[in-house]
Protein backbone atom coordinates (compact mmCIF):
# COMPACT_ATOMS: atom_id res chain seq x y z
CA UNK A 1 -10.31 34.79 15.51
CA UNK A 2 -7.99 37.86 14.31
CA UNK A 3 -5.42 36.82 10.80
CA UNK A 4 -2.77 36.38 12.89
CA UNK A 5 -3.93 33.52 14.77
CA UNK A 6 -6.14 32.24 11.84
CA UNK A 7 -2.65 31.58 9.87
CA UNK A 8 -1.14 30.28 12.83
CA UNK A 9 -3.50 27.36 13.02
CA UNK A 10 -4.10 26.84 9.54
CA UNK A 11 -0.06 26.37 9.75
CA UNK A 12 -0.47 24.28 12.50
CA UNK A 13 -2.60 21.82 11.11
CA UNK A 14 -0.86 21.59 7.81
CA UNK A 15 2.37 20.78 9.52
CA UNK A 16 0.54 18.15 11.84
CA UNK A 17 -0.74 16.69 8.63
CA UNK A 18 2.81 16.10 6.97
CA UNK A 19 4.08 14.59 10.17
CA UNK A 20 1.07 12.32 9.93
CA UNK A 21 1.21 11.25 6.94
CA UNK A 22 4.91 10.99 7.28
CA UNK A 23 5.10 8.63 10.02
CA UNK A 24 2.29 6.91 8.48
CA UNK A 25 5.11 6.73 5.40
CA UNK A 26 7.74 5.59 7.94
CA UNK A 27 5.35 2.25 9.41
CA UNK A 28 4.54 1.27 5.58
CA UNK A 29 7.95 1.64 4.98
CA UNK A 30 9.13 -0.28 8.25
CA UNK A 31 6.89 -2.92 7.46
CA UNK A 32 7.63 -3.67 4.02
CA UNK A 33 11.54 -3.90 5.35
CA UNK A 34 10.42 -6.36 8.24
CA UNK A 35 8.45 -8.64 5.63
CA UNK A 36 11.50 -8.50 3.34
CA UNK A 37 13.50 -9.63 6.09
CA UNK A 38 11.80 -12.98 6.47
CA UNK A 39 11.43 -13.36 3.05
CA UNK A 40 15.67 -12.98 2.48
CA UNK A 41 16.06 -15.21 5.90
CA UNK A 42 13.09 -18.55 4.14
CA UNK A 43 14.88 -17.48 0.45
CA UNK A 44 18.41 -17.65 1.37
CA UNK A 45 17.30 -20.74 3.14
CA UNK A 46 16.19 -22.52 0.47
CA UNK A 47 19.09 -21.64 -1.37
CA UNK A 48 21.47 -22.95 0.93
CA UNK A 49 18.69 -26.42 0.65
CA UNK A 50 19.47 -26.52 -3.20
CA UNK A 51 23.16 -26.35 -3.35
CA UNK A 52 23.53 -29.64 -0.81
CA UNK A 53 20.20 -31.11 -2.63
CA UNK A 54 20.74 -34.91 -3.10
CA UNK A 55 18.86 -35.02 -6.72
CA UNK A 56 17.90 -32.29 -9.74
CA UNK A 57 14.59 -32.65 -8.57
CA UNK A 58 14.70 -31.71 -5.33
CA UNK A 59 17.61 -28.48 -6.08
CA UNK A 60 15.35 -27.19 -8.66
CA UNK A 61 12.19 -27.49 -6.61
CA UNK A 62 13.68 -25.18 -3.72
CA UNK A 63 15.15 -22.53 -6.45
CA UNK A 64 11.22 -22.71 -7.27
CA UNK A 65 10.99 -22.23 -2.87
CA UNK A 66 13.87 -19.20 -3.63
CA UNK A 67 11.98 -17.28 -7.18
CA UNK A 68 8.77 -17.68 -5.32
CA UNK A 69 9.61 -16.00 -1.81
CA UNK A 70 11.64 -13.08 -4.06
CA UNK A 71 9.19 -12.12 -6.57
CA UNK A 72 5.93 -12.77 -4.32
CA UNK A 73 2.55 -14.28 -5.51
CA UNK A 74 2.44 -11.49 -8.16
CA UNK A 75 5.42 -11.54 -9.28
CA UNK A 76 7.29 -11.92 -13.17
CA UNK A 77 9.05 -15.64 -12.61
CA UNK A 78 6.64 -17.46 -10.30
CA UNK A 79 5.34 -20.84 -10.18
CA UNK A 80 2.03 -21.71 -8.18
CA UNK A 81 2.52 -25.06 -8.76
CA UNK A 82 5.87 -24.59 -6.62
CA UNK A 83 5.00 -24.47 -2.89
CA UNK A 84 5.25 -20.96 -1.41
CA UNK A 85 7.13 -21.01 2.26
CA UNK A 86 6.75 -17.24 2.08
CA UNK A 87 2.69 -17.37 2.07
CA UNK A 88 1.89 -14.81 4.05
CA UNK A 89 5.42 -13.01 4.65
CA UNK A 90 4.43 -10.37 2.53
CA UNK A 91 4.61 -9.36 -1.38
CA UNK A 92 8.38 -11.14 -2.20
CA UNK A 93 11.49 -9.71 -0.94
CA UNK A 94 11.92 -8.14 -4.46
CA UNK A 95 9.16 -5.62 -4.05
CA UNK A 96 8.69 -5.53 -0.74
CA UNK A 97 12.83 -3.55 -1.04
CA UNK A 98 11.64 -1.73 -3.61
CA UNK A 99 13.06 1.95 -2.06
CA UNK A 100 16.07 0.05 -0.72
CA UNK A 101 18.12 -0.03 -3.92
CA UNK A 102 21.62 -2.01 -2.96
CA UNK A 103 19.41 -4.44 -1.30
CA UNK A 104 16.82 -4.84 -4.27
CA UNK A 105 20.56 -5.69 -6.39
CA UNK A 106 21.32 -7.60 -4.34
CA UNK A 107 18.27 -9.75 -3.98
CA UNK A 108 17.85 -9.52 -8.36
CA UNK A 109 21.13 -11.02 -8.55
CA UNK A 110 20.28 -13.67 -6.59
CA UNK A 111 17.50 -14.07 -8.66
CA UNK A 112 18.75 -13.96 -11.90
CA UNK A 113 21.01 -17.19 -10.14
CA UNK A 114 18.33 -19.10 -9.06
CA UNK A 115 16.29 -18.51 -12.70
CA UNK A 116 19.90 -20.02 -13.92
CA UNK A 117 19.48 -23.01 -11.74
CA UNK A 118 16.44 -24.00 -12.73
CA UNK A 119 17.24 -23.53 -16.37
CA UNK A 120 20.48 -26.13 -16.11
CA UNK A 121 19.60 -30.05 -15.98
CA UNK A 122 23.75 -30.52 -14.05
CA UNK A 123 23.65 -31.27 -10.47
CA UNK A 124 27.13 -30.12 -10.56
CA UNK A 125 25.56 -26.42 -11.94
CA UNK A 126 22.99 -26.58 -10.30
CA UNK A 127 24.82 -26.46 -7.23
CA UNK A 128 26.94 -23.53 -7.84
CA UNK A 129 23.94 -21.17 -9.23
CA UNK A 130 22.02 -22.23 -5.78
CA UNK A 131 25.20 -21.43 -3.95
CA UNK A 132 25.28 -17.85 -5.87
CA UNK A 133 22.13 -17.36 -5.02
CA UNK A 134 22.83 -18.25 -1.08
CA UNK A 135 25.82 -15.77 -1.37
CA UNK A 136 23.67 -12.59 -2.90
CA UNK A 137 21.29 -13.78 -0.34
CA UNK A 138 23.68 -14.04 2.71
CA UNK A 139 25.38 -10.66 1.60
CA UNK A 140 22.62 -8.68 2.50
CA UNK A 141 21.96 -6.69 5.46
CA UNK A 142 18.91 -8.71 6.75
CA UNK A 143 21.82 -11.75 7.25
CA UNK A 144 23.75 -10.03 9.68
CA UNK A 145 23.64 -10.34 13.00
CA UNK A 146 22.35 -7.28 15.20
CA UNK A 147 25.32 -6.25 16.43
CA UNK A 148 27.26 -6.23 13.74
CA UNK A 149 29.97 -3.74 12.67
CA UNK A 150 31.19 -3.51 8.72
CA UNK A 151 34.81 -1.11 9.29
């Protein structure tokens, strides 16, 4: 094998390795986005349930679910004593969307609203905070129907 052939073989091997790594990274990102979408959908549903809850305890329980879905089992604010309706869906919508900065910001906003609702002992205020969380979660790309256009 001459030097030119060896160099061409080495370059093609390096390019194939780079392509493989890029493909794996893309697949991992897609998997995380898919997990985040499921977690966002679930968190959104629980924010809506908190918004219409008939009691403070019920509203707080659903806000715990929102927080657990957003931060995941290893995240700050995760409450292991509260149900985690997102168990098995991913690592939390916020960690699973770490590479999507616009989405990440909306999720952080929803988290802050859910946490504010947990601190309140006034059902009306809790409903308002839950509505803000639901609105933030509903404004994410995960909530837009397929084929929806934004102009």
